[in-house]
Every structure is written in C-alpha cells, then in structure tokens.
Protein backbone atom coordinates (compact mmCIF):
# COMPACT_ATOMS: atom_id res chain seq x y z
CA MET A 1 160.56 16.93 38.95
CA SER A 2 160.74 14.26 41.62
CA GLU A 3 161.18 14.88 45.33
CA LYS A 4 164.92 14.30 45.12
CA GLU A 5 165.53 16.24 41.88
CA VAL A 6 165.55 19.61 43.58
CA ARG A 7 166.05 22.62 41.31
CA ARG A 8 168.64 24.97 42.78
CA PRO A 9 170.44 28.07 41.50
CA ALA A 10 174.18 27.80 40.87
CA PRO A 11 176.22 28.29 44.06
CA ASP A 12 177.95 31.38 42.64
CA LEU A 13 174.56 32.99 41.97
CA ILE A 14 173.52 32.44 45.58
CA LEU A 15 176.77 34.06 46.70
CA ARG A 16 176.11 37.07 44.48
CA TYR A 17 172.64 37.43 45.96
CA ARG A 18 174.11 37.37 49.46
CA GLU A 19 176.61 40.04 48.49
CA VAL A 20 173.94 42.41 47.17
CA ALA A 21 171.69 41.62 50.16
CA ARG A 22 174.26 43.14 52.51
CA CYS A 23 172.67 46.48 51.66
CA TYR A 24 170.17 48.25 53.89
CA SER A 25 166.60 46.93 53.69
CA ALA A 26 167.41 44.10 51.29
CA SER A 27 163.86 42.74 51.23
CA CYS A 28 162.66 46.19 50.14
CA VAL A 29 165.27 46.53 47.42
CA PHE A 30 164.37 43.17 45.86
CA ALA A 31 160.67 44.00 46.15
CA ASP A 32 161.08 47.41 44.51
CA VAL A 33 162.90 46.09 41.44
CA GLN A 34 160.16 43.51 40.91
CA GLY A 35 157.45 46.15 40.88
CA ARG A 36 156.52 45.32 44.50
CA ARG A 37 155.80 41.70 43.61
CA GLY A 38 156.93 38.65 45.59
CA VAL A 39 156.40 40.14 49.06
CA MET A 40 155.10 37.75 51.71
CA HIS A 41 152.41 38.75 54.20
CA SER A 42 153.66 41.20 56.81
CA GLY A 43 152.71 38.78 59.61
CA ILE A 44 155.65 36.52 58.75
CA LYS A 45 158.56 37.82 60.81
CA PRO A 46 161.94 36.55 62.08
CA ILE A 47 162.65 35.53 65.67
CA PHE A 48 165.80 37.67 65.77
CA ARG A 49 167.50 40.26 63.60
CA GLY A 50 169.40 38.87 60.66
CA LYS A 51 169.30 38.23 56.94
CA LEU A 52 168.20 35.06 55.26
CA VAL A 53 169.21 34.55 51.63
CA GLY A 54 169.05 31.22 49.84
CA SER A 55 167.36 28.78 47.51
CA ALA A 56 163.86 27.62 48.42
CA LEU A 57 163.34 23.97 49.36
CA THR A 58 159.55 23.68 49.59
CA VAL A 59 157.42 21.66 52.00
CA ARG A 60 153.61 21.64 51.84
CA LEU A 61 151.66 20.33 54.81
CA SER A 62 147.98 19.43 54.87
CA ALA A 63 145.82 22.18 56.34
CA GLY A 64 144.02 21.00 59.46
CA ASP A 65 146.38 18.04 59.83
CA VAL A 66 149.73 19.74 60.16
CA GLN A 67 152.64 17.56 61.17
CA ASP A 68 156.41 17.78 61.49
CA PRO A 69 158.17 18.56 58.17
CA LEU A 70 160.98 16.14 59.01
CA ALA A 71 160.98 14.72 55.47
CA ALA A 72 162.71 17.88 54.27
CA LEU A 73 165.90 16.69 55.94
CA GLU A 74 166.09 13.82 53.45
CA ILE A 75 166.84 16.18 50.55
CA ALA A 76 168.11 19.36 52.23
CA GLN A 77 171.50 20.68 51.19
CA PRO A 78 173.77 23.48 52.43
CA GLY A 79 172.45 26.87 51.39
CA ASP A 80 168.80 25.83 51.26
CA VAL A 81 166.05 27.83 52.91
CA ILE A 82 163.18 25.53 53.87
CA VAL A 83 159.85 27.16 53.00
CA VAL A 84 156.84 25.55 54.66
CA ASP A 85 153.18 25.99 53.73
CA ALA A 86 151.36 25.11 56.95
CA GLY A 87 148.13 26.71 55.80
CA GLY A 88 148.59 29.74 58.02
CA GLU A 89 147.81 27.61 61.12
CA ILE A 90 149.14 29.53 64.12
CA GLU A 91 147.81 27.35 66.95
CA THR A 92 150.00 24.33 66.12
CA SER A 93 153.77 24.66 65.86
CA VAL A 94 155.50 22.76 63.06
CA TRP A 95 159.05 23.89 63.87
CA GLY A 96 161.12 23.85 67.03
CA GLY A 97 164.63 23.88 68.39
CA LEU A 98 165.55 20.29 67.58
CA MET A 99 164.40 20.68 63.98
CA GLY A 100 166.48 23.82 63.75
CA ALA A 101 169.54 22.02 65.12
CA LEU A 102 169.13 19.16 62.64
CA CYS A 103 168.83 21.63 59.78
CA LYS A 104 171.87 23.59 60.91
CA GLN A 105 173.77 20.30 61.00
CA ARG A 106 172.90 19.91 57.29
CA GLY A 107 173.95 23.46 56.44
CA VAL A 108 170.41 24.73 55.93
CA THR A 109 170.44 28.53 56.07
CA GLY A 110 167.07 29.03 57.75
CA ALA A 111 163.36 28.43 57.45
CA ILE A 112 160.19 30.35 56.59
CA ILE A 113 156.82 29.06 57.77
CA ASP A 114 153.34 30.19 56.86
CA GLY A 115 152.28 28.87 60.23
CA ALA A 116 153.71 28.67 63.73
CA GLY A 117 156.95 27.70 65.41
CA ARG A 118 158.15 27.33 69.00
CA ASP A 119 161.37 26.95 71.05
CA ILE A 120 162.39 30.49 70.15
CA ASP A 121 164.95 30.59 72.96
CA GLU A 122 166.73 27.50 71.66
CA LEU A 123 166.65 28.66 68.04
CA ARG A 124 168.19 31.97 69.07
CA ASP A 125 170.93 30.24 71.03
CA ILE A 126 171.92 28.03 68.09
CA GLU A 127 171.50 31.02 65.73
CA PHE A 128 169.05 29.33 63.40
CA LEU A 129 166.96 32.02 61.75
CA LEU A 130 163.26 31.17 61.61
CA PHE A 131 160.51 33.29 60.09
CA ALA A 132 156.95 32.43 61.09
CA ARG A 133 153.44 33.86 61.30
CA GLY A 134 153.10 33.04 65.00
CA PHE A 135 154.43 31.03 67.95
CA THR A 136 152.78 28.59 70.35
CA PRO A 137 153.83 25.84 72.78
CA ARG A 138 151.40 23.38 71.13
CA GLY A 139 153.22 20.87 68.93
CA THR A 140 152.03 18.66 66.08
CA HIS A 141 150.47 15.24 66.40
CA THR A 142 153.57 13.57 64.92
CA MET A 143 155.24 12.96 68.30
CA PHE A 144 152.15 11.04 69.40
CA SER A 145 150.85 9.49 66.17
CA GLY A 146 154.20 8.76 64.56
CA ARG A 147 152.55 9.53 61.23
CA LYS A 148 154.67 11.38 58.67
CA ASP A 149 152.90 10.46 55.44
CA ASN A 150 151.02 13.64 54.57
CA VAL A 151 153.86 15.91 53.40
CA ALA A 152 154.57 17.13 49.86
CA LEU A 153 158.20 18.01 49.12
CA ASN A 154 159.72 19.98 46.27
CA VAL A 155 156.42 21.32 44.92
CA PRO A 156 155.07 24.82 44.20
CA LEU A 157 153.17 26.17 47.20
CA SER A 158 151.77 29.32 48.73
CA CYS A 159 153.63 30.94 51.60
CA GLY A 160 152.49 34.28 52.94
CA GLY A 161 150.32 34.80 49.88
CA VAL A 162 153.20 34.30 47.44
CA VAL A 163 153.67 31.33 45.13
CA VAL A 164 157.06 29.77 45.89
CA SER A 165 158.58 27.12 43.64
CA PRO A 166 161.67 24.99 44.29
CA GLY A 167 164.80 26.94 43.46
CA ASP A 168 163.26 30.39 43.82
CA MET A 169 165.44 32.77 45.81
CA VAL A 170 164.22 34.14 49.11
CA VAL A 171 165.55 37.30 50.73
CA GLY A 172 164.42 37.86 54.30
CA ASP A 173 165.31 40.42 56.94
CA GLU A 174 163.68 42.06 59.95
CA ILE A 175 161.33 43.92 57.59
CA GLY A 176 159.94 40.86 55.82
CA VAL A 177 160.46 38.34 53.03
CA THR A 178 160.67 38.79 49.27
CA VAL A 179 160.68 35.92 46.75
CA ILE A 180 162.45 36.04 43.38
CA PRO A 181 161.32 33.49 40.75
CA PHE A 182 163.96 31.08 39.47
CA ASP A 183 163.55 32.16 35.83
CA HIS A 184 164.28 35.81 36.66
CA LEU A 185 167.16 35.46 39.10
CA GLU A 186 169.88 37.02 36.94
CA SER A 187 167.85 39.98 35.71
CA VAL A 188 166.44 40.79 39.16
CA LEU A 189 169.90 40.59 40.72
CA THR A 190 171.26 43.10 38.21
CA LEU A 191 168.42 45.52 38.95
CA ALA A 192 168.80 45.03 42.71
CA ARG A 193 172.52 45.78 42.58
CA GLU A 194 171.81 49.00 40.65
CA GLN A 195 169.06 49.96 43.09
CA ALA A 196 171.23 49.31 46.16
CA ASP A 197 174.09 51.33 44.67
CA ARG A 198 171.73 54.19 43.79
CA GLU A 199 170.31 54.28 47.32
CA GLU A 200 173.78 54.33 48.84
CA ALA A 201 174.75 57.21 46.55
CA THR A 202 171.59 59.04 47.65
CA ARG A 203 172.55 58.57 51.31
CA ARG A 204 175.94 60.15 50.63
CA GLU A 205 174.29 63.15 48.97
CA ILE A 206 171.84 63.56 51.86
CA ALA A 207 174.83 63.62 54.25
CA LYS A 208 176.23 66.48 52.14
CA GLY A 209 173.05 68.47 52.65
CA LYS A 210 171.32 67.98 49.29
CA THR A 211 167.63 68.95 49.18
CA VAL A 212 164.69 66.83 48.06
CA GLU A 213 164.52 68.75 44.81
CA GLN A 214 168.21 68.20 44.10
CA LEU A 215 167.96 64.51 44.89
CA LEU A 216 164.93 64.05 42.62
CA ALA A 217 166.73 65.86 39.83
CA GLU A 218 169.77 63.61 40.19
CA PHE A 219 168.24 60.22 41.03
CA GLY A 220 164.62 60.48 39.94
CA ARG A 221 163.26 59.14 43.25
CA ILE A 222 163.83 59.11 46.97
C-alpha cells in the first residue's frame, strides 16, 4: 500500500459506528466486546469532552527527532482520524491550533497523538478534538529547520501501546481510546450494538428497583 492508497472503511460503516457510539461509555463498550483488547494507554486523554469516531490515517514520526506531521494533510479525507506515533515524547508538541484548523478545513474528525500537543485554547474554540499524552508550549524544530522529510504516512504504528493500521476504526471519549482492527469491523460492531442495548436495558431495570441478583439472573453481568 502506497502513501496515497489509504485503506478506509466504507462510509456507511463509519456512520453505523457513530450511531452505536452514541451510547454511554462507548470506548468501554468497544473494549469489552473485544475482550478488553485495543485500549490505548490511560495517559492519552482529550482536551475537552466529546466523542471521536473515525477511520485511522496513520503518521509515524522519528523518536528523538519529532517534527510537524503536516504531510498528513496531503492525503487526509473527511471522516479520517489522524493517529500520530510521536514516540511518547511529551516535551515537544507536534500538534497545535493551526494544524487543527487545517485539518478541520479538510473534514478531518480529530487527532490522537502518542506525544504532546499545544494551543489547547485555540483547539477548543474551533472544536477540533485532540487526544494526547501531554501538553507543552515547546514546538518542533520544523518551524526553524524547514525539514519535513522524516515522516512515514499510511503505515502500521504503535499509539498508546496499541498497534494501529490504516483503516482501523478508533472510538474515543473522555474515558479513553479503543481501536478496532479493519478486518473485524463488522463483527465487532454487531457485538457492540448488542452490548450497548443490553446495558441500556439493564439501566431501565435498575430504575425499576431490580436487585443485583435479579439483574445477574436476567443479563448475566452488571
């Protein structure tokens, strides 16, 4: 697969994921039905409350030489979530307000960085949802060096301890981020819909006063 031949799920499948992800604790639901797999490190959190659901467009930076991931804009499409492996570097920001604005202009849904970002105030104002491991005023060398040659696009990478490949689905909320592999998107979605419906039914029974024992007898779990 070349940089520009980006694997993406069908648009209707992305829409179905977004519909199911309207449930409470969507990242938890999609983690549960995968046997707790696909969960990124708990240090990766959003800058404001919201849900991020979309197809992964991957960007791998060189550890120790992190630079702006501007090259992602060359192949980004509406509905993408840009997933950046910055090697967990939290003392150099690779994402700011202007990058967020450019991505929003392209219809990018949001971004997830195993690394740091900045310009949180601006990103909040333009409502671009960024997940990151940390935040710092210190930017990359790109604005000074002009060098943008050490970026790998559209490749498998590690983000928050999870392998993410192009076209995988990511579901993020204020709790965290869960990744669903491309080859299992349909089956996981079916299980997630069943799980979300079961949890909602359990909530209704709790509101009626059902006990733990009654709930376990009916649903098999809490």
